[in-house]
Amino acid sequence: MDNALANALARLPHGPEFRFVDLLLSLDPGRMGVGEYLVRGDEPFLRGHFPGEPIFPGVLLVEAAAQLAGIVAQSDQQIPALSGLKLAGFRAVKITGSARPGEVIRLEARLTGRLANLVQATAAAWVHDQLVLRADLTLSGEAPRTVAK
């Protein structure tokens, strides 16, 4: 992974226990990105989802897509980063599958609009080239404050 991709991934504010983007494959800052998450199998939530038949929860597919959308939004050098950027809403979510331990989730997020402290994105996820998620996401953060001179 080149330095620009590594730096963009390093800005993800989530701790390791709640980070669902392991690798950035490509990044067009402020426009779109592609990333991956390997379902390791040792994630604590898999013990209960479901015992003996673990699958990656659909709601965490949405979270993974939102994390990637945040990376894309915060990487735009032309627009100041929003502090506290987080998932604020989602619609048109369709979950058509999931991932099991050992499988890689490939994520794609494309920004579709920005207005003040809001970021709009479309996202999708695939496992073994099968679409498992499609969603429209809204992220929200706080714009940097300007100091009057």
Protein backbone atom coordinates (compact mmCIF):
# COMPACT_ATOMS: atom_id res chain seq x y z
CA MET A 1 0.00 0.00 0.00
CA ASP A 2 1.47 3.37 -0.92
CA ASN A 3 1.98 6.14 1.66
CA ALA A 4 -1.08 8.18 0.62
CA LEU A 5 -3.35 5.15 1.14
CA ALA A 6 -1.67 4.23 4.43
CA ASN A 7 -2.00 7.82 5.70
CA ALA A 8 -5.68 8.00 4.75
CA LEU A 9 -6.38 4.69 6.51
CA ALA A 10 -4.44 5.84 9.59
CA ARG A 11 -6.83 8.82 9.98
CA LEU A 12 -9.76 6.47 10.65
CA PRO A 13 -10.64 7.41 14.26
CA HIS A 14 -11.99 4.01 15.32
CA GLY A 15 -10.07 1.78 17.67
CA PRO A 16 -8.81 -1.58 16.42
CA GLU A 17 -11.77 -3.43 17.96
CA PHE A 18 -14.22 -1.45 15.83
CA ARG A 19 -12.28 -0.85 12.63
CA PHE A 20 -13.81 -2.55 9.60
CA VAL A 21 -11.44 -1.32 6.88
CA ASP A 22 -8.10 -3.18 6.96
CA LEU A 23 -6.74 -2.16 3.61
CA LEU A 24 -7.33 0.64 1.09
CA LEU A 25 -7.00 -0.63 -2.46
CA SER A 26 -7.65 2.71 -4.14
CA LEU A 27 -8.56 6.24 -3.17
CA ASP A 28 -9.68 9.19 -5.25
CA PRO A 29 -9.69 11.81 -2.45
CA GLY A 30 -13.09 13.37 -1.88
CA ARG A 31 -14.66 11.22 -4.59
CA MET A 32 -14.42 7.45 -4.08
CA GLY A 33 -12.49 4.64 -2.49
CA VAL A 34 -12.21 0.87 -2.43
CA GLY A 35 -11.17 -1.06 0.65
CA GLU A 36 -11.22 -4.49 2.23
CA TYR A 37 -11.93 -6.09 5.56
CA LEU A 38 -10.90 -9.65 6.40
CA VAL A 39 -13.34 -11.37 8.73
CA ARG A 40 -10.73 -12.98 10.98
CA GLY A 41 -13.08 -15.13 13.02
CA ASP A 42 -11.81 -13.94 16.42
CA GLU A 43 -14.06 -10.87 16.55
CA PRO A 44 -16.02 -11.05 19.85
CA PHE A 45 -19.41 -10.39 18.22
CA LEU A 46 -19.08 -13.53 16.09
CA ARG A 47 -19.38 -15.73 19.19
CA GLY A 48 -23.02 -14.71 19.48
CA HIS A 49 -23.81 -14.07 15.80
CA PHE A 50 -24.42 -17.01 15.53
CA PRO A 51 -23.01 -19.75 17.81
CA GLY A 52 -21.63 -22.51 15.60
CA GLU A 53 -22.50 -20.60 12.38
CA PRO A 54 -20.77 -17.20 12.67
CA ILE A 55 -21.63 -14.55 10.09
CA PHE A 56 -20.62 -10.90 9.90
CA PRO A 57 -23.66 -8.84 11.00
CA GLY A 58 -25.44 -6.83 8.31
CA VAL A 59 -25.47 -3.71 10.46
CA LEU A 60 -21.66 -3.93 10.60
CA LEU A 61 -21.57 -4.10 6.78
CA VAL A 62 -23.26 -0.68 6.90
CA GLU A 63 -20.71 0.52 9.49
CA ALA A 64 -17.80 -0.73 7.36
CA ALA A 65 -19.17 1.14 4.34
CA ALA A 66 -19.61 4.29 6.45
CA GLN A 67 -16.02 4.04 7.69
CA LEU A 68 -14.78 3.87 4.12
CA ALA A 69 -17.01 6.81 3.12
CA GLY A 70 -15.51 8.78 6.02
CA ILE A 71 -11.99 8.01 4.83
CA VAL A 72 -12.92 9.24 1.34
CA ALA A 73 -14.50 12.43 2.70
CA GLN A 74 -11.66 13.26 5.08
CA SER A 75 -8.98 12.70 2.43
CA ASP A 76 -10.08 15.65 0.27
CA GLN A 77 -7.27 18.21 0.63
CA GLN A 78 -9.49 20.97 -0.83
CA ILE A 79 -12.05 20.76 2.02
CA PRO A 80 -11.14 21.01 5.72
CA ALA A 81 -11.74 17.77 7.62
CA LEU A 82 -14.87 17.57 9.75
CA SER A 83 -14.22 16.72 13.38
CA GLY A 84 -16.26 13.94 14.93
CA LEU A 85 -17.42 12.65 11.54
CA LYS A 86 -19.85 9.78 12.07
CA LEU A 87 -22.71 7.90 10.48
CA ALA A 88 -25.84 10.03 10.82
CA GLY A 89 -28.31 8.25 8.59
CA PHE A 90 -28.86 5.60 5.99
CA ARG A 91 -31.57 4.73 3.51
CA ALA A 92 -32.23 2.37 0.65
CA VAL A 93 -30.18 -0.26 2.47
CA LYS A 94 -30.33 -3.69 0.92
CA ILE A 95 -28.42 -6.51 2.58
CA THR A 96 -28.33 -9.55 0.33
CA GLY A 97 -25.64 -11.62 2.00
CA SER A 98 -22.84 -11.62 4.52
CA ALA A 99 -19.35 -12.94 5.18
CA ARG A 100 -18.00 -15.78 7.26
CA PRO A 101 -14.64 -16.10 9.02
CA GLY A 102 -11.80 -16.21 6.52
CA GLU A 103 -13.71 -14.27 3.86
CA VAL A 104 -12.82 -10.81 2.58
CA ILE A 105 -15.42 -8.06 2.30
CA ARG A 106 -14.60 -5.66 -0.56
CA LEU A 107 -16.11 -2.22 0.04
CA GLU A 108 -16.69 0.69 -2.29
CA ALA A 109 -17.87 4.17 -1.29
CA ARG A 110 -18.59 7.04 -3.66
CA LEU A 111 -19.39 10.54 -2.38
CA THR A 112 -22.48 12.00 -4.04
CA GLY A 113 -22.75 15.35 -2.29
CA ARG A 114 -21.65 17.66 0.50
CA LEU A 115 -23.54 20.41 2.26
CA ALA A 116 -21.94 22.21 5.20
CA ASN A 117 -21.25 19.48 7.79
CA LEU A 118 -23.08 16.69 5.90
CA VAL A 119 -21.59 14.18 3.49
CA GLN A 120 -23.73 11.97 1.23
CA ALA A 121 -22.39 8.71 -0.21
CA THR A 122 -23.47 5.55 -1.94
CA ALA A 123 -21.79 2.35 -0.86
CA ALA A 124 -21.64 -1.30 -1.76
CA ALA A 125 -19.94 -4.43 -0.48
CA TRP A 126 -19.06 -7.74 -2.12
CA VAL A 127 -17.92 -11.13 -0.89
CA HIS A 128 -16.52 -13.51 -3.54
CA ASP A 129 -17.75 -11.06 -6.23
CA GLN A 130 -21.34 -11.38 -4.89
CA LEU A 131 -23.05 -8.14 -3.94
CA VAL A 132 -23.96 -8.31 -0.23
CA LEU A 133 -24.78 -4.65 0.50
CA ARG A 134 -25.97 -1.53 -1.24
CA ALA A 135 -26.78 1.64 0.74
CA ASP A 136 -27.11 5.41 0.66
CA LEU A 137 -25.31 6.96 3.64
CA THR A 138 -25.23 10.33 5.37
CA LEU A 139 -22.26 11.27 7.53
CA SER A 140 -22.20 14.29 9.83
CA GLY A 141 -19.40 16.13 11.58
CA GLU A 142 -18.46 19.53 12.89
CA ALA A 143 -16.93 22.04 10.52
CA PRO A 144 -13.71 23.68 11.69
CA ARG A 145 -14.34 26.94 13.47
CA THR A 146 -12.83 30.06 11.97
CA VAL A 147 -11.28 32.62 14.24
CA ALA A 148 -12.21 36.24 13.55
CA LYS A 149 -9.26 38.59 13.20
